[in-house]
PDB file of N, CA and C in Angstrom:
ATOM      1  N   UNK A   1      38.603  22.683  31.867  1.00  0.00           N
ATOM      2  CA  UNK A   1      38.119  21.340  31.647  1.00  0.00           C
ATOM      3  C   UNK A   1      39.312  20.421  31.438  1.00  0.00           C
ATOM      4  N   UNK A   2      39.331  19.343  32.135  1.00  0.00           N
ATOM      5  CA  UNK A   2      40.474  18.443  32.033  1.00  0.00           C
ATOM      6  C   UNK A   2      40.271  17.428  30.910  1.00  0.00           C
ATOM      7  N   UNK A   3      41.359  16.938  30.394  1.00  0.00           N
ATOM      8  CA  UNK A   3      41.286  15.903  29.360  1.00  0.00           C
ATOM      9  C   UNK A   3      40.914  14.572  29.986  1.00  0.00           C
ATOM     10  N   UNK A   4      39.919  13.953  29.413  1.00  0.00           N
ATOM     11  CA  UNK A   4      39.511  12.628  29.887  1.00  0.00           C
ATOM     12  C   UNK A   4      40.266  11.605  29.052  1.00  0.00           C
ATOM     13  N   UNK A   5      40.806  10.553  29.669  1.00  0.00           N
ATOM     14  CA  UNK A   5      41.621   9.606  28.894  1.00  0.00           C
ATOM     15  C   UNK A   5      40.851   8.871  27.797  1.00  0.00           C
ATOM     16  N   UNK A   6      39.546   8.769  27.943  1.00  0.00           N
ATOM     17  CA  UNK A   6      38.783   8.045  26.930  1.00  0.00           C
ATOM     18  C   UNK A   6      38.282   8.946  25.806  1.00  0.00           C
ATOM     19  N   UNK A   7      38.292  10.246  26.009  1.00  0.00           N
ATOM     20  CA  UNK A   7      37.793  11.192  25.010  1.00  0.00           C
ATOM     21  C   UNK A   7      38.797  12.317  24.800  1.00  0.00           C
ATOM     22  N   UNK A   8      39.929  12.036  24.166  1.00  0.00           N
ATOM     23  CA  UNK A   8      40.908  13.110  23.962  1.00  0.00           C
ATOM     24  C   UNK A   8      40.389  14.138  22.958  1.00  0.00           C
ATOM     25  N   UNK A   9      40.765  15.389  23.188  1.00  0.00           N
ATOM     26  CA  UNK A   9      40.335  16.466  22.300  1.00  0.00           C
ATOM     27  C   UNK A   9      41.001  16.347  20.935  1.00  0.00           C
ATOM     28  N   UNK A  10      40.267  16.740  19.918  1.00  0.00           N
ATOM     29  CA  UNK A  10      40.829  16.850  18.588  1.00  0.00           C
ATOM     30  C   UNK A  10      40.896  15.563  17.790  1.00  0.00           C
ATOM     31  N   UNK A  11      40.494  14.453  18.347  1.00  0.00           N
ATOM     32  CA  UNK A  11      40.535  13.206  17.594  1.00  0.00           C
ATOM     33  C   UNK A  11      39.134  12.818  17.139  1.00  0.00           C
ATOM     34  N   UNK A  12      39.012  12.557  15.875  1.00  0.00           N
ATOM     35  CA  UNK A  12      37.746  12.091  15.317  1.00  0.00           C
ATOM     36  C   UNK A  12      38.018  10.771  14.616  1.00  0.00           C
ATOM     37  N   UNK A  13      37.240   9.769  14.891  1.00  0.00           N
ATOM     38  CA  UNK A  13      37.475   8.476  14.235  1.00  0.00           C
ATOM     39  C   UNK A  13      37.419   8.616  12.718  1.00  0.00           C
ATOM     40  N   UNK A  14      38.435   8.144  12.025  1.00  0.00           N
ATOM     41  CA  UNK A  14      38.485   8.315  10.567  1.00  0.00           C
ATOM     42  C   UNK A  14      37.361   7.585   9.835  1.00  0.00           C
ATOM     43  N   UNK A  15      36.825   6.513  10.408  1.00  0.00           N
ATOM     44  CA  UNK A  15      35.779   5.751   9.721  1.00  0.00           C
ATOM     45  C   UNK A  15      34.474   6.536   9.600  1.00  0.00           C
ATOM     46  N   UNK A  16      34.320   7.594  10.385  1.00  0.00           N
ATOM     47  CA  UNK A  16      33.086   8.377  10.313  1.00  0.00           C
ATOM     48  C   UNK A  16      33.000   9.189   9.019  1.00  0.00           C
ATOM     49  N   UNK A  17      34.132   9.516   8.446  1.00  0.00           N
ATOM     50  CA  UNK A  17      34.140  10.432   7.316  1.00  0.00           C
ATOM     51  C   UNK A  17      34.559   9.790   6.006  1.00  0.00           C
ATOM     52  N   UNK A  18      35.074   8.580   6.045  1.00  0.00           N
ATOM     53  CA  UNK A  18      35.532   7.924   4.819  1.00  0.00           C
ATOM     54  C   UNK A  18      34.361   7.545   3.924  1.00  0.00           C
ATOM     55  N   UNK A  19      34.474   7.838   2.677  1.00  0.00           N
ATOM     56  CA  UNK A  19      33.528   7.346   1.698  1.00  0.00           C
ATOM     57  C   UNK A  19      32.209   8.084   1.594  1.00  0.00           C
ATOM     58  N   UNK A  20      31.994   9.124   2.340  1.00  0.00           N
ATOM     59  CA  UNK A  20      30.714   9.816   2.253  1.00  0.00           C
ATOM     60  C   UNK A  20      30.501  10.462   0.892  1.00  0.00           C
ATOM     61  N   UNK A  21      31.542  11.049   0.340  1.00  0.00           N
ATOM     62  CA  UNK A  21      31.392  11.740  -0.930  1.00  0.00           C
ATOM     63  C   UNK A  21      31.081  10.769  -2.065  1.00  0.00           C
ATOM     64  N   UNK A  22      31.618   9.563  -2.023  1.00  0.00           N
ATOM     65  CA  UNK A  22      31.398   8.602  -3.088  1.00  0.00           C
ATOM     66  C   UNK A  22      30.100   7.819  -2.966  1.00  0.00           C
ATOM     67  N   UNK A  23      29.369   7.982  -1.875  1.00  0.00           N
ATOM     68  CA  UNK A  23      28.172   7.162  -1.677  1.00  0.00           C
ATOM     69  C   UNK A  23      26.892   7.810  -2.194  1.00  0.00           C
ATOM     70  N   UNK A  24      26.976   9.020  -2.682  1.00  0.00           N
ATOM     71  CA  UNK A  24      25.783   9.694  -3.194  1.00  0.00           C
ATOM     72  C   UNK A  24      25.534   9.216  -4.621  1.00  0.00           C
ATOM     73  N   UNK A  25      24.350   8.580  -4.831  1.00  0.00           N
ATOM     74  CA  UNK A  25      24.010   8.045  -6.146  1.00  0.00           C
ATOM     75  C   UNK A  25      22.806   8.812  -6.689  1.00  0.00           C
ATOM     76  N   UNK A  26      22.758   8.990  -7.976  1.00  0.00           N
ATOM     77  CA  UNK A  26      21.585   9.666  -8.550  1.00  0.00           C
ATOM     78  C   UNK A  26      20.366   8.744  -8.502  1.00  0.00           C
ATOM     79  N   UNK A  27      19.201   9.338  -8.329  1.00  0.00           N
ATOM     80  CA  UNK A  27      17.951   8.575  -8.352  1.00  0.00           C
ATOM     81  C   UNK A  27      17.604   8.206  -9.784  1.00  0.00           C
ATOM     82  N   UNK A  28      16.886   7.103  -9.947  1.00  0.00           N
ATOM     83  CA  UNK A  28      16.448   6.720 -11.281  1.00  0.00           C
ATOM     84  C   UNK A  28      15.325   7.663 -11.721  1.00  0.00           C
ATOM     85  N   UNK A  29      15.047   7.667 -12.998  1.00  0.00           N
ATOM     86  CA  UNK A  29      13.991   8.534 -13.528  1.00  0.00           C
ATOM     87  C   UNK A  29      12.649   8.135 -12.916  1.00  0.00           C
ATOM     88  N   UNK A  30      11.813   9.119 -12.648  1.00  0.00           N
ATOM     89  CA  UNK A  30      10.521   8.825 -12.024  1.00  0.00           C
ATOM     90  C   UNK A  30       9.487   8.446 -13.070  1.00  0.00           C
ATOM     91  N   UNK A  31       8.619   7.505 -12.679  1.00  0.00           N
ATOM     92  CA  UNK A  31       7.497   7.100 -13.508  1.00  0.00           C
ATOM     93  C   UNK A  31       6.311   6.912 -12.564  1.00  0.00           C
ATOM     94  N   UNK A  32       5.373   7.840 -12.562  1.00  0.00           N
ATOM     95  CA  UNK A  32       4.282   7.803 -11.590  1.00  0.00           C
ATOM     96  C   UNK A  32       3.141   6.851 -11.943  1.00  0.00           C
ATOM     97  N   UNK A  33       3.268   6.071 -13.010  1.00  0.00           N
ATOM     98  CA  UNK A  33       2.156   5.218 -13.449  1.00  0.00           C
ATOM     99  C   UNK A  33       1.669   4.267 -12.356  1.00  0.00           C
ATOM    100  N   UNK A  34       2.588   3.561 -11.707  1.00  0.00           N
ATOM    101  CA  UNK A  34       2.182   2.614 -10.666  1.00  0.00           C
ATOM    102  C   UNK A  34       1.598   3.341  -9.456  1.00  0.00           C
ATOM    103  N   UNK A  35       2.173   4.484  -9.112  1.00  0.00           N
ATOM    104  CA  UNK A  35       1.642   5.269  -7.997  1.00  0.00           C
ATOM    105  C   UNK A  35       0.213   5.712  -8.276  1.00  0.00           C
ATOM    106  N   UNK A  36      -0.045   6.177  -9.488  1.00  0.00           N
ATOM    107  CA  UNK A  36      -1.397   6.599  -9.873  1.00  0.00           C
ATOM    108  C   UNK A  36      -2.348   5.405  -9.841  1.00  0.00           C
ATOM    109  N   UNK A  37      -1.902   4.273 -10.366  1.00  0.00           N
ATOM    110  CA  UNK A  37      -2.725   3.058 -10.369  1.00  0.00           C
ATOM    111  C   UNK A  37      -3.043   2.619  -8.935  1.00  0.00           C
ATOM    112  N   UNK A  38      -2.056   2.669  -8.061  1.00  0.00           N
ATOM    113  CA  UNK A  38      -2.257   2.309  -6.656  1.00  0.00           C
ATOM    114  C   UNK A  38      -3.237   3.255  -5.979  1.00  0.00           C
ATOM    115  N   UNK A  39      -3.110   4.537  -6.254  1.00  0.00           N
ATOM    116  CA  UNK A  39      -4.012   5.525  -5.658  1.00  0.00           C
ATOM    117  C   UNK A  39      -5.452   5.299  -6.113  1.00  0.00           C
ATOM    118  N   UNK A  40      -5.629   4.975  -7.399  1.00  0.00           N
ATOM    119  CA  UNK A  40      -6.983   4.707  -7.903  1.00  0.00           C
ATOM    120  C   UNK A  40      -7.572   3.457  -7.257  1.00  0.00           C
ATOM    121  N   UNK A  41      -6.761   2.420  -7.110  1.00  0.00           N
ATOM    122  CA  UNK A  41      -7.237   1.189  -6.470  1.00  0.00           C
ATOM    123  C   UNK A  41      -7.581   1.439  -5.008  1.00  0.00           C
ATOM    124  N   UNK A  42      -6.820   2.287  -4.352  1.00  0.00           N
ATOM    125  CA  UNK A  42      -7.076   2.553  -2.932  1.00  0.00           C
ATOM    126  C   UNK A  42      -8.372   3.329  -2.725  1.00  0.00           C
ATOM    127  N   UNK A  43      -8.814   4.082  -3.716  1.00  0.00           N
ATOM    128  CA  UNK A  43     -10.083   4.810  -3.590  1.00  0.00           C
ATOM    129  C   UNK A  43     -11.247   3.840  -3.423  1.00  0.00           C
ATOM    130  N   UNK A  44     -11.234   2.752  -4.162  1.00  0.00           N
ATOM    131  CA  UNK A  44     -12.269   1.729  -4.027  1.00  0.00           C
ATOM    132  C   UNK A  44     -12.203   1.080  -2.647  1.00  0.00           C
ATOM    133  N   UNK A  45     -10.990   0.835  -2.168  1.00  0.00           N
ATOM    134  CA  UNK A  45     -10.823   0.246  -0.841  1.00  0.00           C
ATOM    135  C   UNK A  45     -11.341   1.182   0.247  1.00  0.00           C
ATOM    136  N   UNK A  46     -11.070   2.466   0.086  1.00  0.00           N
ATOM    137  CA  UNK A  46     -11.515   3.443   1.085  1.00  0.00           C
ATOM    138  C   UNK A  46     -13.035   3.495   1.191  1.00  0.00           C
ATOM    139  N   UNK A  47     -13.720   3.301   0.089  1.00  0.00           N
ATOM    140  CA  UNK A  47     -15.192   3.266   0.121  1.00  0.00           C
ATOM    141  C   UNK A  47     -15.654   2.078   0.961  1.00  0.00           C
ATOM    142  N   UNK A  48     -15.018   0.923   0.769  1.00  0.00           N
ATOM    143  CA  UNK A  48     -15.372  -0.257   1.559  1.00  0.00           C
ATOM    144  C   UNK A  48     -15.025  -0.073   3.035  1.00  0.00           C
ATOM    145  N   UNK A  49     -13.864   0.510   3.309  1.00  0.00           N
ATOM    146  CA  UNK A  49     -13.481   0.787   4.699  1.00  0.00           C
ATOM    147  C   UNK A  49     -14.522   1.690   5.346  1.00  0.00           C
ATOM    148  N   UNK A  50     -14.942   2.723   4.631  1.00  0.00           N
ATOM    149  CA  UNK A  50     -15.942   3.665   5.151  1.00  0.00           C
ATOM    150  C   UNK A  50     -17.247   2.941   5.485  1.00  0.00           C
ATOM    151  N   UNK A  51     -17.679   2.038   4.611  1.00  0.00           N
ATOM    152  CA  UNK A  51     -18.925   1.298   4.864  1.00  0.00           C
ATOM    153  C   UNK A  51     -18.822   0.454   6.133  1.00  0.00           C
ATOM    154  N   UNK A  52     -17.712  -0.258   6.278  1.00  0.00           N
ATOM    155  CA  UNK A  52     -17.535  -1.114   7.455  1.00  0.00           C
ATOM    156  C   UNK A  52     -17.450  -0.267   8.722  1.00  0.00           C
ATOM    157  N   UNK A  53     -16.678   0.808   8.686  1.00  0.00           N
ATOM    158  CA  UNK A  53     -16.527   1.652   9.874  1.00  0.00           C
ATOM    159  C   UNK A  53     -17.842   2.336  10.245  1.00  0.00           C
ATOM    160  N   UNK A  54     -18.596   2.790   9.241  1.00  0.00           N
ATOM    161  CA  UNK A  54     -19.900   3.408   9.527  1.00  0.00           C
ATOM    162  C   UNK A  54     -20.847   2.406  10.178  1.00  0.00           C
ATOM    163  N   UNK A  55     -20.855   1.175   9.684  1.00  0.00           N
ATOM    164  CA  UNK A  55     -21.730   0.153  10.258  1.00  0.00           C
ATOM    165  C   UNK A  55     -21.340  -0.139  11.702  1.00  0.00           C
ATOM    166  N   UNK A  56     -20.047  -0.286  11.955  1.00  0.00           N
ATOM    167  CA  UNK A  56     -19.595  -0.556  13.320  1.00  0.00           C
ATOM    168  C   UNK A  56     -19.862   0.625  14.252  1.00  0.00           C
ATOM    169  N   UNK A  57     -19.707   1.831  13.733  1.00  0.00           N
ATOM    170  CA  UNK A  57     -19.875   3.021  14.568  1.00  0.00           C
ATOM    171  C   UNK A  57     -21.332   3.340  14.867  1.00  0.00           C
ATOM    172  N   UNK A  58     -22.243   2.917  13.997  1.00  0.00           N
ATOM    173  CA  UNK A  58     -23.644   3.322  14.169  1.00  0.00           C
ATOM    174  C   UNK A  58     -24.570   2.201  14.615  1.00  0.00           C
ATOM    175  N   UNK A  59     -24.104   0.960  14.625  1.00  0.00           N
ATOM    176  CA  UNK A  59     -24.977  -0.154  14.996  1.00  0.00           C
ATOM    177  C   UNK A  59     -24.360  -0.981  16.124  1.00  0.00           C
ATOM    178  N   UNK A  60     -24.775  -0.675  17.352  1.00  0.00           N
ATOM    179  CA  UNK A  60     -24.277  -1.447  18.491  1.00  0.00           C
ATOM    180  C   UNK A  60     -24.656  -2.921  18.395  1.00  0.00           C
ATOM    181  N   UNK A  61     -25.885  -3.256  17.946  1.00  0.00           N
ATOM    182  CA  UNK A  61     -26.212  -4.680  17.807  1.00  0.00           C
ATOM    183  C   UNK A  61     -25.290  -5.402  16.817  1.00  0.00           C
ATOM    184  N   UNK A  62     -24.953  -4.738  15.707  1.00  0.00           N
ATOM    185  CA  UNK A  62     -24.038  -5.345  14.734  1.00  0.00           C
ATOM    186  C   UNK A  62     -22.660  -5.531  15.365  1.00  0.00           C
ATOM    187  N   UNK A  63     -22.156  -4.487  16.031  1.00  0.00           N
ATOM    188  CA  UNK A  63     -20.837  -4.563  16.666  1.00  0.00           C
ATOM    189  C   UNK A  63     -20.808  -5.672  17.712  1.00  0.00           C
ATOM    190  N   UNK A  64     -21.868  -5.780  18.491  1.00  0.00           N
ATOM    191  CA  UNK A  64     -21.945  -6.821  19.515  1.00  0.00           C
ATOM    192  C   UNK A  64     -21.953  -8.215  18.874  1.00  0.00           C
ATOM    193  N   UNK A  65     -22.731  -8.384  17.809  1.00  0.00           N
ATOM    194  CA  UNK A  65     -22.779  -9.669  17.110  1.00  0.00           C
ATOM    195  C   UNK A  65     -21.435 -10.044  16.514  1.00  0.00           C
ATOM    196  N   UNK A  66     -20.736  -9.056  15.958  1.00  0.00           N
ATOM    197  CA  UNK A  66     -19.419  -9.299  15.369  1.00  0.00           C
ATOM    198  C   UNK A  66     -18.421  -9.722  16.451  1.00  0.00           C
ATOM    199  N   UNK A  67     -18.431  -9.019  17.576  1.00  0.00           N
ATOM    200  CA  UNK A  67     -17.533  -9.368  18.682  1.00  0.00           C
ATOM    201  C   UNK A  67     -17.830 -10.768  19.212  1.00  0.00           C
ATOM    202  N   UNK A  68     -19.110 -11.061  19.385  1.00  0.00           N
ATOM    203  CA  UNK A  68     -19.511 -12.367  19.910  1.00  0.00           C
ATOM    204  C   UNK A  68     -19.069 -13.486  18.976  1.00  0.00           C
ATOM    205  N   UNK A  69     -19.293 -13.301  17.673  1.00  0.00           N
ATOM    206  CA  UNK A  69     -18.882 -14.314  16.692  1.00  0.00           C
ATOM    207  C   UNK A  69     -17.364 -14.479  16.685  1.00  0.00           C
ATOM    208  N   UNK A  70     -16.637 -13.372  16.735  1.00  0.00           N
ATOM    209  CA  UNK A  70     -15.175 -13.441  16.719  1.00  0.00           C
ATOM    210  C   UNK A  70     -14.646 -14.128  17.972  1.00  0.00           C
ATOM    211  N   UNK A  71     -15.192 -13.765  19.125  1.00  0.00           N
ATOM    212  CA  UNK A  71     -14.709 -14.359  20.372  1.00  0.00           C
ATOM    213  C   UNK A  71     -15.099 -15.831  20.493  1.00  0.00           C
ATOM    214  N   UNK A  72     -16.096 -16.255  19.720  1.00  0.00           N
ATOM    215  CA  UNK A  72     -16.482 -17.673  19.684  1.00  0.00           C
ATOM    216  C   UNK A  72     -15.761 -18.425  18.569  1.00  0.00           C
ATOM    217  N   UNK A  73     -14.810 -17.758  17.909  1.00  0.00           N
ATOM    218  CA  UNK A  73     -14.019 -18.328  16.808  1.00  0.00           C
ATOM    219  C   UNK A  73     -14.879 -18.781  15.636  1.00  0.00           C
ATOM    220  N   UNK A  74     -15.934 -18.040  15.347  1.00  0.00           N
ATOM    221  CA  UNK A  74     -16.799 -18.341  14.201  1.00  0.00           C
ATOM    222  C   UNK A  74     -16.385 -17.453  13.027  1.00  0.00           C
ATOM    223  N   UNK A  75     -15.243 -17.801  12.445  1.00  0.00           N
ATOM    224  CA  UNK A  75     -14.671 -16.979  11.378  1.00  0.00           C
ATOM    225  C   UNK A  75     -15.609 -16.833  10.188  1.00  0.00           C
ATOM    226  N   UNK A  76     -16.295 -17.897   9.802  1.00  0.00           N
ATOM    227  CA  UNK A  76     -17.191 -17.814   8.647  1.00  0.00           C
ATOM    228  C   UNK A  76     -18.345 -16.851   8.926  1.00  0.00           C
ATOM    229  N   UNK A  77     -18.843 -16.811  10.156  1.00  0.00           N
ATOM    230  CA  UNK A  77     -19.911 -15.877  10.505  1.00  0.00           C
ATOM    231  C   UNK A  77     -19.401 -14.439  10.494  1.00  0.00           C
ATOM    232  N   UNK A  78     -18.192 -14.223  11.012  1.00  0.00           N
ATOM    233  CA  UNK A  78     -17.590 -12.881  10.995  1.00  0.00           C
ATOM    234  C   UNK A  78     -17.444 -12.408   9.553  1.00  0.00           C
ATOM    235  N   UNK A  79     -16.911 -13.272   8.697  1.00  0.00           N
ATOM    236  CA  UNK A  79     -16.725 -12.926   7.283  1.00  0.00           C
ATOM    237  C   UNK A  79     -18.059 -12.630   6.612  1.00  0.00           C
ATOM    238  N   UNK A  80     -19.059 -13.444   6.885  1.00  0.00           N
ATOM    239  CA  UNK A  80     -20.387 -13.249   6.290  1.00  0.00           C
ATOM    240  C   UNK A  80     -21.014 -11.934   6.756  1.00  0.00           C
ATOM    241  N   UNK A  81     -20.867 -11.604   8.028  1.00  0.00           N
ATOM    242  CA  UNK A  81     -21.415 -10.346   8.541  1.00  0.00           C
ATOM    243  C   UNK A  81     -20.790  -9.149   7.828  1.00  0.00           C
ATOM    244  N   UNK A  82     -19.478  -9.192   7.636  1.00  0.00           N
ATOM    245  CA  UNK A  82     -18.785  -8.091   6.952  1.00  0.00           C
ATOM    246  C   UNK A  82     -19.195  -8.052   5.484  1.00  0.00           C
ATOM    247  N   UNK A  83     -19.312  -9.208   4.848  1.00  0.00           N
ATOM    248  CA  UNK A  83     -19.708  -9.271   3.435  1.00  0.00           C
ATOM    249  C   UNK A  83     -21.099  -8.671   3.230  1.00  0.00           C
ATOM    250  N   UNK A  84     -22.025  -8.922   4.168  1.00  0.00           N
ATOM    251  CA  UNK A  84     -23.408  -8.444   4.033  1.00  0.00           C
ATOM    252  C   UNK A  84     -23.534  -6.927   4.143  1.00  0.00           C
ATOM    253  N   UNK A  85     -22.482  -6.260   4.561  1.00  0.00           N
ATOM    254  CA  UNK A  85     -22.510  -4.793   4.620  1.00  0.00           C
ATOM    255  C   UNK A  85     -22.629  -4.222   3.211  1.00  0.00           C
ATOM    256  N   UNK A  86     -22.158  -4.974   2.225  1.00  0.00           N
ATOM    257  CA  UNK A  86     -22.251  -4.520   0.837  1.00  0.00           C
ATOM    258  C   UNK A  86     -20.942  -3.988   0.291  1.00  0.00           C
ATOM    259  N   UNK A  87     -19.847  -4.602   0.694  1.00  0.00           N
ATOM    260  CA  UNK A  87     -18.543  -4.157   0.213  1.00  0.00           C
ATOM    261  C   UNK A  87     -18.138  -4.952  -1.027  1.00  0.00           C
ATOM    262  N   UNK A  88     -17.267  -4.357  -1.834  1.00  0.00           N
ATOM    263  CA  UNK A  88     -16.802  -4.998  -3.064  1.00  0.00           C
ATOM    264  C   UNK A  88     -15.507  -5.773  -2.846  1.00  0.00           C
ATOM    265  N   UNK A  89     -14.686  -5.307  -1.915  1.00  0.00           N
ATOM    266  CA  UNK A  89     -13.391  -5.928  -1.647  1.00  0.00           C
ATOM    267  C   UNK A  89     -13.415  -6.527  -0.246  1.00  0.00           C
ATOM    268  N   UNK A  90     -13.454  -7.855  -0.188  1.00  0.00           N
ATOM    269  CA  UNK A  90     -13.529  -8.525   1.114  1.00  0.00           C
ATOM    270  C   UNK A  90     -12.169  -8.482   1.806  1.00  0.00           C
ATOM    271  N   UNK A  91     -12.113  -7.984   3.030  1.00  0.00           N
ATOM    272  CA  UNK A  91     -10.829  -7.896   3.726  1.00  0.00           C
ATOM    273  C   UNK A  91     -10.425  -9.228   4.354  1.00  0.00           C
ATOM    274  N   UNK A  92      -9.137  -9.381   4.588  1.00  0.00           N
ATOM    275  CA  UNK A  92      -8.666 -10.458   5.454  1.00  0.00           C
ATOM    276  C   UNK A  92      -8.954  -9.985   6.870  1.00  0.00           C
ATOM    277  N   UNK A  93      -9.548 -10.846   7.679  1.00  0.00           N
ATOM    278  CA  UNK A  93      -9.954 -10.451   9.024  1.00  0.00           C
ATOM    279  C   UNK A  93      -9.210 -11.305  10.035  1.00  0.00           C
ATOM    280  N   UNK A  94      -8.586 -10.644  10.981  1.00  0.00           N
ATOM    281  CA  UNK A  94      -7.911 -11.320  12.080  1.00  0.00           C
ATOM    282  C   UNK A  94      -8.416 -10.712  13.376  1.00  0.00           C
ATOM    283  N   UNK A  95      -8.538 -11.514  14.388  1.00  0.00           N
ATOM    284  CA  UNK A  95      -8.994 -10.989  15.671  1.00  0.00           C
ATOM    285  C   UNK A  95      -8.349 -11.774  16.791  1.00  0.00           C
ATOM    286  N   UNK A  96      -8.339 -11.145  17.953  1.00  0.00           N
ATOM    287  CA  UNK A  96      -7.829 -11.766  19.168  1.00  0.00           C
ATOM    288  C   UNK A  96      -8.664 -11.221  20.323  1.00  0.00           C
ATOM    289  N   UNK A  97      -8.386 -11.594  21.546  1.00  0.00           N
ATOM    290  CA  UNK A  97      -9.219 -11.108  22.657  1.00  0.00           C
ATOM    291  C   UNK A  97      -9.215  -9.588  22.837  1.00  0.00           C
ATOM    292  N   UNK A  98      -8.247  -8.898  22.242  1.00  0.00           N
ATOM    293  CA  UNK A  98      -8.140  -7.451  22.429  1.00  0.00           C
ATOM    294  C   UNK A  98      -8.772  -6.624  21.324  1.00  0.00           C
ATOM    295  N   UNK A  99      -8.990  -7.201  20.137  1.00  0.00           N
ATOM    296  CA  UNK A  99      -9.538  -6.406  19.051  1.00  0.00           C
ATOM    297  C   UNK A  99      -9.614  -7.163  17.744  1.00  0.00           C
ATOM    298  N   UNK A 100      -9.850  -6.393  16.689  1.00  0.00           N
ATOM    299  CA  UNK A 100     -10.028  -6.971  15.354  1.00  0.00           C
ATOM    300  C   UNK A 100      -9.218  -6.152  14.354  1.00  0.00           C
ATOM    301  N   UNK A 101      -8.756  -6.830  13.304  1.00  0.00           N
ATOM    302  CA  UNK A 101      -7.948  -6.170  12.275  1.00  0.00           C
ATOM    303  C   UNK A 101      -8.506  -6.533  10.909  1.00  0.00           C
ATOM    304  N   UNK A 102      -8.712  -5.523  10.086  1.00  0.00           N
ATOM    305  CA  UNK A 102      -9.188  -5.698   8.716  1.00  0.00           C
ATOM    306  C   UNK A 102      -8.062  -5.293   7.772  1.00  0.00           C
ATOM    307  N   UNK A 103      -7.723  -6.163   6.832  1.00  0.00           N
ATOM    308  CA  UNK A 103      -6.718  -5.854   5.817  1.00  0.00           C
ATOM    309  C   UNK A 103      -7.419  -5.858   4.465  1.00  0.00           C
ATOM    310  N   UNK A 104      -7.735  -4.665   3.979  1.00  0.00           N
ATOM    311  CA  UNK A 104      -8.432  -4.508   2.702  1.00  0.00           C
ATOM    312  C   UNK A 104      -7.412  -4.478   1.573  1.00  0.00           C
ATOM    313  N   UNK A 105      -7.653  -5.256   0.533  1.00  0.00           N
ATOM    314  CA  UNK A 105      -6.801  -5.263  -0.649  1.00  0.00           C
ATOM    315  C   UNK A 105      -7.690  -5.494  -1.863  1.00  0.00           C
ATOM    316  N   UNK A 106      -7.246  -5.072  -3.050  1.00  0.00           N
ATOM    317  CA  UNK A 106      -8.072  -5.231  -4.248  1.00  0.00           C
ATOM    318  C   UNK A 106      -8.363  -6.699  -4.547  1.00  0.00           C
ATOM    319  N   UNK A 107      -9.536  -6.939  -5.149  1.00  0.00           N
ATOM    320  CA  UNK A 107      -9.916  -8.308  -5.533  1.00  0.00           C
ATOM    321  C   UNK A 107      -8.964  -8.862  -6.580  1.00  0.00           C
ATOM    322  N   UNK A 108      -8.694  -8.069  -7.587  1.00  0.00           N
ATOM    323  CA  UNK A 108      -7.793  -8.516  -8.654  1.00  0.00           C
ATOM    324  C   UNK A 108      -6.441  -8.848  -8.042  1.00  0.00           C
ATOM    325  N   UNK A 109      -5.723  -9.772  -8.656  1.00  0.00           N
ATOM    326  CA  UNK A 109      -4.483 -10.273  -8.101  1.00  0.00           C
ATOM    327  C   UNK A 109      -3.375  -9.257  -7.882  1.00  0.00           C
ATOM    328  N   UNK A 110      -3.573  -8.031  -8.297  1.00  0.00           N
ATOM    329  CA  UNK A 110      -2.520  -7.031  -8.161  1.00  0.00           C
ATOM    330  C   UNK A 110      -2.457  -6.526  -6.725  1.00  0.00           C
ATOM    331  N   UNK A 111      -1.290  -6.651  -6.137  1.00  0.00           N
ATOM    332  CA  UNK A 111      -1.114  -6.173  -4.768  1.00  0.00           C
ATOM    333  C   UNK A 111      -0.282  -4.894  -4.827  1.00  0.00           C
ATOM    334  N   UNK A 112      -0.916  -3.807  -5.228  1.00  0.00           N
ATOM    335  CA  UNK A 112      -0.199  -2.540  -5.293  1.00  0.00           C
ATOM    336  C   UNK A 112      -0.633  -1.591  -4.181  1.00  0.00           C
ATOM    337  N   UNK A 113      -1.612  -2.013  -3.393  1.00  0.00           N
ATOM    338  CA  UNK A 113      -2.026  -1.213  -2.251  1.00  0.00           C
ATOM    339  C   UNK A 113      -2.852  -2.079  -1.313  1.00  0.00           C
ATOM    340  N   UNK A 114      -2.891  -1.702  -0.067  1.00  0.00           N
ATOM    341  CA  UNK A 114      -3.814  -2.303   0.888  1.00  0.00           C
ATOM    342  C   UNK A 114      -3.981  -1.337   2.050  1.00  0.00           C
ATOM    343  N   UNK A 115      -5.101  -1.455   2.717  1.00  0.00           N
ATOM    344  CA  UNK A 115      -5.414  -0.575   3.841  1.00  0.00           C
ATOM    345  C   UNK A 115      -5.701  -1.460   5.048  1.00  0.00           C
ATOM    346  N   UNK A 116      -4.988  -1.211   6.118  1.00  0.00           N
ATOM    347  CA  UNK A 116      -5.163  -1.993   7.342  1.00  0.00           C
ATOM    348  C   UNK A 116      -5.834  -1.123   8.394  1.00  0.00           C
ATOM    349  N   UNK A 117      -6.899  -1.659   8.977  1.00  0.00           N
ATOM    350  CA  UNK A 117      -7.606  -0.989  10.067  1.00  0.00           C
ATOM    351  C   UNK A 117      -7.559  -1.920  11.274  1.00  0.00           C
ATOM    352  N   UNK A 118      -7.056  -1.429  12.384  1.00  0.00           N
ATOM    353  CA  UNK A 118      -7.033  -2.199  13.630  1.00  0.00           C
ATOM    354  C   UNK A 118      -7.906  -1.488  14.649  1.00  0.00           C
ATOM    355  N   UNK A 119      -8.836  -2.219  15.221  1.00  0.00           N
ATOM    356  CA  UNK A 119      -9.756  -1.654  16.208  1.00  0.00           C
ATOM    357  C   UNK A 119      -9.655  -2.446  17.506  1.00  0.00           C
ATOM    358  N   UNK A 120      -9.605  -1.726  18.612  1.00  0.00           N
ATOM    359  CA  UNK A 120      -9.576  -2.378  19.926  1.00  0.00           C
ATOM    360  C   UNK A 120     -10.993  -2.537  20.439  1.00  0.00           C
ATOM    361  N   UNK A 121     -11.247  -3.627  21.149  1.00  0.00           N
ATOM    362  CA  UNK A 121     -12.541  -3.766  21.809  1.00  0.00           C
ATOM    363  C   UNK A 121     -12.370  -4.104  23.279  1.00  0.00           C
ATOM    364  N   UNK A 122     -11.130  -4.087  23.741  1.00  0.00           N
ATOM    365  CA  UNK A 122     -10.888  -4.322  25.160  1.00  0.00           C
ATOM    366  C   UNK A 122      -9.662  -3.532  25.595  1.00  0.00           C
ATOM    367  N   UNK A 123      -9.804  -2.815  26.708  1.00  0.00           N
ATOM    368  CA  UNK A 123      -8.649  -2.128  27.283  1.00  0.00           C
ATOM    369  C   UNK A 123      -7.813  -3.124  28.059  1.00  0.00           C
ATOM    370  N   UNK A 124      -6.538  -2.990  27.920  1.00  0.00           N
ATOM    371  CA  UNK A 124      -5.636  -3.909  28.620  1.00  0.00           C
ATOM    372  C   UNK A 124      -5.241  -3.304  29.947  1.00  0.00           C
TER     373      UNK A 124
END
């Protein structure tokens, strides 16, 4: 194998190895309180997600009405339809010609978790 002028054997750029040993820092002490609180809050959100997904999956008339309202830019009707499912945490709803997105977050002002569901209703 011949030596290539741009890649000589035995040379390694010194910047690749400088400072690696000094960059390892210890982690701070763990406190799972917020993680546990977030997990508990997400359980309530998951129940609401399940209700919305079950309604969409089992009721074609509901799904059709939701799509029609969204494509007609009737945001208040879309929100009302989702609210009438019986959920406790109202999601932020965004939609475009390709699908709909639900962003579920707790009612209380604490933003320690949220669940995003994106559904397509048109193949591109």
